[in-house]
N, C-alpha and C. Protein backbone atom coordinates (compact mmCIF):
# COMPACT_ATOMS: atom_id res chain seq x y z
N MET A 1 205.17 202.04 229.32
CA MET A 1 205.81 202.59 230.48
C MET A 1 204.80 202.64 231.62
N LYS A 2 205.21 202.14 232.79
CA LYS A 2 204.38 202.20 233.99
C LYS A 2 204.83 203.39 234.84
N ILE A 3 203.85 204.09 235.40
CA ILE A 3 204.14 205.24 236.25
C ILE A 3 203.52 205.01 237.62
N LEU A 4 204.32 205.25 238.65
CA LEU A 4 203.85 205.15 240.02
C LEU A 4 203.23 206.48 240.43
N LYS A 5 201.98 206.45 240.83
CA LYS A 5 201.28 207.66 241.29
C LYS A 5 201.34 207.68 242.82
N ILE A 6 201.67 208.86 243.36
CA ILE A 6 201.81 209.02 244.80
C ILE A 6 200.85 210.11 245.27
N SER A 7 200.13 209.84 246.34
CA SER A 7 199.34 210.89 246.99
C SER A 7 199.68 210.87 248.48
N GLY A 8 199.40 212.00 249.14
CA GLY A 8 199.71 212.11 250.56
C GLY A 8 201.04 212.79 250.84
N ILE A 9 201.63 213.41 249.81
CA ILE A 9 202.92 214.10 249.97
C ILE A 9 202.67 215.42 250.72
N THR A 10 203.48 215.67 251.73
CA THR A 10 203.31 216.89 252.53
C THR A 10 204.29 217.98 252.10
N GLU A 11 203.93 219.24 252.47
CA GLU A 11 204.83 220.37 252.24
C GLU A 11 206.17 220.06 252.88
N GLY A 12 207.22 220.49 252.25
CA GLY A 12 208.57 220.24 252.77
C GLY A 12 209.19 218.98 252.23
N THR A 13 208.42 218.16 251.52
CA THR A 13 208.95 216.96 250.90
C THR A 13 209.48 217.34 249.53
N SER A 14 210.70 216.94 249.24
CA SER A 14 211.34 217.32 247.98
C SER A 14 211.40 216.14 247.01
N ASN A 15 211.73 216.46 245.78
CA ASN A 15 211.96 215.41 244.79
C ASN A 15 213.04 214.46 245.29
N LYS A 16 214.07 215.01 245.90
CA LYS A 16 215.17 214.19 246.41
C LYS A 16 214.69 213.23 247.50
N ASP A 17 213.81 213.70 248.41
CA ASP A 17 213.26 212.82 249.44
C ASP A 17 212.57 211.62 248.80
N ILE A 18 211.75 211.88 247.79
CA ILE A 18 211.02 210.80 247.12
C ILE A 18 211.99 209.89 246.37
N GLU A 19 212.93 210.48 245.65
CA GLU A 19 213.90 209.67 244.91
C GLU A 19 214.74 208.81 245.84
N ASP A 20 215.14 209.36 246.98
CA ASP A 20 215.95 208.58 247.94
C ASP A 20 215.23 207.33 248.41
N ILE A 21 213.92 207.44 248.65
CA ILE A 21 213.14 206.28 249.10
C ILE A 21 213.03 205.24 247.98
N PHE A 22 212.59 205.68 246.80
CA PHE A 22 212.26 204.72 245.74
C PHE A 22 213.49 204.20 245.00
N SER A 23 214.59 204.90 245.06
CA SER A 23 215.80 204.41 244.39
C SER A 23 216.39 203.20 245.12
N ARG A 24 215.90 202.92 246.31
CA ARG A 24 216.32 201.70 247.02
C ARG A 24 215.88 200.45 246.26
N LEU A 25 214.83 200.59 245.44
CA LEU A 25 214.31 199.46 244.68
C LEU A 25 214.97 199.32 243.32
N GLY A 26 215.47 200.42 242.79
CA GLY A 26 216.06 200.41 241.45
C GLY A 26 216.23 201.82 240.94
N GLU A 27 216.81 201.93 239.77
CA GLU A 27 217.11 203.25 239.21
C GLU A 27 215.83 204.01 238.87
N VAL A 28 215.75 205.25 239.34
CA VAL A 28 214.61 206.12 239.10
C VAL A 28 214.95 207.05 237.94
N SER A 29 214.06 207.10 236.93
CA SER A 29 214.26 207.97 235.78
C SER A 29 213.85 209.40 236.09
N ASP A 30 212.66 209.55 236.69
CA ASP A 30 212.11 210.87 236.97
C ASP A 30 211.22 210.86 238.18
N VAL A 31 211.20 211.98 238.88
CA VAL A 31 210.27 212.24 239.98
C VAL A 31 209.60 213.56 239.69
N PHE A 32 208.29 213.60 239.75
CA PHE A 32 207.54 214.83 239.56
C PHE A 32 206.65 215.07 240.77
N LEU A 33 206.78 216.21 241.41
CA LEU A 33 205.87 216.63 242.47
C LEU A 33 205.00 217.73 241.89
N PHE A 34 203.69 217.58 241.99
CA PHE A 34 202.78 218.52 241.36
C PHE A 34 202.57 219.74 242.25
N ILE A 35 202.63 220.90 241.61
CA ILE A 35 202.50 222.18 242.29
C ILE A 35 201.18 222.82 241.88
N GLY A 36 200.50 223.42 242.86
CA GLY A 36 199.24 224.13 242.59
C GLY A 36 199.23 225.45 243.31
N GLY A 37 198.07 226.05 243.38
CA GLY A 37 197.93 227.32 244.09
C GLY A 37 198.21 228.50 243.18
N PRO A 38 198.11 229.70 243.73
CA PRO A 38 198.35 230.90 242.93
C PRO A 38 199.82 231.02 242.54
N LEU A 39 200.08 231.73 241.45
CA LEU A 39 201.45 231.85 240.95
C LEU A 39 202.39 232.50 241.96
N ASP A 40 201.86 233.41 242.77
CA ASP A 40 202.73 234.09 243.73
C ASP A 40 202.96 233.28 244.99
N LYS A 41 202.22 232.18 245.15
CA LYS A 41 202.36 231.35 246.35
C LYS A 41 202.10 229.88 246.00
N PRO A 42 202.97 229.30 245.17
CA PRO A 42 202.76 227.90 244.79
C PRO A 42 202.92 226.96 245.98
N CYS A 43 202.21 225.85 245.93
CA CYS A 43 202.31 224.85 246.99
C CYS A 43 202.12 223.46 246.40
N LEU A 44 202.58 222.48 247.13
CA LEU A 44 202.39 221.09 246.70
C LEU A 44 200.91 220.75 246.69
N THR A 45 200.50 219.96 245.71
CA THR A 45 199.12 219.47 245.68
C THR A 45 198.98 218.19 246.50
N GLY A 46 200.11 217.64 246.93
CA GLY A 46 200.07 216.39 247.68
C GLY A 46 200.22 215.17 246.80
N GLU A 47 200.42 215.41 245.50
CA GLU A 47 200.54 214.30 244.56
C GLU A 47 201.83 214.40 243.76
N GLY A 48 202.24 213.26 243.23
CA GLY A 48 203.42 213.22 242.38
C GLY A 48 203.50 211.89 241.67
N THR A 49 204.55 211.73 240.90
CA THR A 49 204.78 210.48 240.19
C THR A 49 206.25 210.11 240.23
N VAL A 50 206.49 208.82 240.09
CA VAL A 50 207.85 208.29 239.98
C VAL A 50 207.87 207.38 238.76
N ILE A 51 208.92 207.53 237.96
CA ILE A 51 209.14 206.65 236.81
C ILE A 51 210.45 205.91 237.05
N PHE A 52 210.38 204.59 237.03
CA PHE A 52 211.56 203.74 237.18
C PHE A 52 212.09 203.36 235.80
N LYS A 53 213.37 203.08 235.72
CA LYS A 53 213.95 202.55 234.48
C LYS A 53 213.34 201.18 234.16
N ASP A 54 213.08 200.39 235.20
CA ASP A 54 212.52 199.04 235.07
C ASP A 54 211.06 199.08 235.55
N ASP A 55 210.12 198.89 234.61
CA ASP A 55 208.69 198.96 234.93
C ASP A 55 208.26 198.05 236.07
N SER A 56 208.94 196.91 236.24
CA SER A 56 208.53 195.97 237.28
C SER A 56 208.69 196.56 238.68
N LYS A 57 209.49 197.59 238.81
CA LYS A 57 209.72 198.20 240.12
C LYS A 57 208.50 198.96 240.62
N VAL A 58 207.59 199.34 239.73
CA VAL A 58 206.37 200.04 240.15
C VAL A 58 205.54 199.12 241.05
N ASP A 59 205.32 197.91 240.62
CA ASP A 59 204.54 196.96 241.42
C ASP A 59 205.24 196.65 242.75
N GLU A 60 206.55 196.53 242.69
CA GLU A 60 207.33 196.27 243.91
C GLU A 60 207.22 197.45 244.88
N ALA A 61 207.26 198.68 244.34
CA ALA A 61 207.15 199.87 245.19
C ALA A 61 205.78 199.93 245.87
N ILE A 62 204.73 199.62 245.13
CA ILE A 62 203.38 199.63 245.71
C ILE A 62 203.29 198.62 246.85
N GLU A 63 203.81 197.44 246.60
CA GLU A 63 203.76 196.38 247.61
C GLU A 63 204.58 196.74 248.86
N LYS A 64 205.75 197.32 248.65
CA LYS A 64 206.67 197.56 249.76
C LYS A 64 206.42 198.88 250.50
N TYR A 65 206.05 199.93 249.77
CA TYR A 65 206.02 201.26 250.37
C TYR A 65 204.63 201.90 250.49
N ASN A 66 203.59 201.26 250.03
CA ASN A 66 202.25 201.84 250.20
C ASN A 66 201.97 202.01 251.70
N GLY A 67 201.61 203.22 252.11
CA GLY A 67 201.33 203.49 253.52
C GLY A 67 202.52 203.99 254.31
N ILE A 68 203.68 204.14 253.66
CA ILE A 68 204.87 204.63 254.36
C ILE A 68 204.67 206.09 254.77
N ASN A 69 205.27 206.46 255.89
CA ASN A 69 205.21 207.84 256.39
C ASN A 69 206.48 208.56 255.98
N ILE A 70 206.31 209.64 255.21
CA ILE A 70 207.43 210.50 254.84
C ILE A 70 207.08 211.92 255.24
N ASN A 71 207.87 212.49 256.13
CA ASN A 71 207.68 213.87 256.59
C ASN A 71 206.26 214.12 257.12
N GLY A 72 205.70 213.13 257.78
CA GLY A 72 204.37 213.29 258.36
C GLY A 72 203.22 212.97 257.43
N GLY A 73 203.51 212.64 256.19
CA GLY A 73 202.46 212.28 255.23
C GLY A 73 202.47 210.78 254.99
N ILE A 74 201.29 210.19 255.03
CA ILE A 74 201.15 208.76 254.73
C ILE A 74 200.92 208.63 253.23
N LEU A 75 201.86 208.00 252.54
CA LEU A 75 201.79 207.91 251.09
C LEU A 75 200.87 206.79 250.64
N THR A 76 200.05 207.11 249.66
CA THR A 76 199.22 206.12 248.98
C THR A 76 199.79 205.96 247.59
N LEU A 77 200.13 204.73 247.25
CA LEU A 77 200.78 204.43 245.98
C LEU A 77 199.87 203.60 245.10
N THR A 78 199.73 204.03 243.85
CA THR A 78 198.91 203.30 242.88
C THR A 78 199.58 203.38 241.51
N LEU A 79 199.13 202.54 240.62
CA LEU A 79 199.57 202.60 239.24
C LEU A 79 198.83 203.74 238.57
N ASP A 80 199.56 204.64 237.93
CA ASP A 80 198.93 205.75 237.19
C ASP A 80 198.38 205.17 235.89
N ASN A 81 197.08 205.25 235.71
CA ASN A 81 196.42 204.59 234.58
C ASN A 81 196.28 205.46 233.33
N ARG A 82 196.87 206.64 233.32
CA ARG A 82 196.74 207.46 232.11
C ARG A 82 197.54 206.86 230.97
N ASP A 83 197.20 207.25 229.76
CA ASP A 83 197.87 206.75 228.56
C ASP A 83 199.30 207.28 228.53
N THR A 84 200.26 206.37 228.61
CA THR A 84 201.66 206.78 228.64
C THR A 84 202.34 206.58 227.30
N ASN A 85 201.61 206.28 226.27
CA ASN A 85 202.22 206.05 224.96
C ASN A 85 202.86 207.31 224.38
N ASN A 86 202.37 208.49 224.81
CA ASN A 86 202.89 209.73 224.26
C ASN A 86 203.90 210.41 225.16
N LEU A 87 204.31 209.75 226.25
CA LEU A 87 205.28 210.37 227.15
C LEU A 87 206.70 210.11 226.70
């Protein structure tokens, strides 16, 4: 399984915002936006991931959307290199 790693996500960007952009390429299985900060005041870390049903869409997304501006944040897209065998 290939996972698209996203950085540059700004506050106010939702899972739906990310899914709406990347679903233009193909069916999205999951979107995760990472939350950090204290428990009483969580905030976005600026990073997230997208998993497509079709792994080939990850490379297409990087080529097409790397550097796109969403809600004032310039997204940097890369292949997430962590071991995905246990996901």
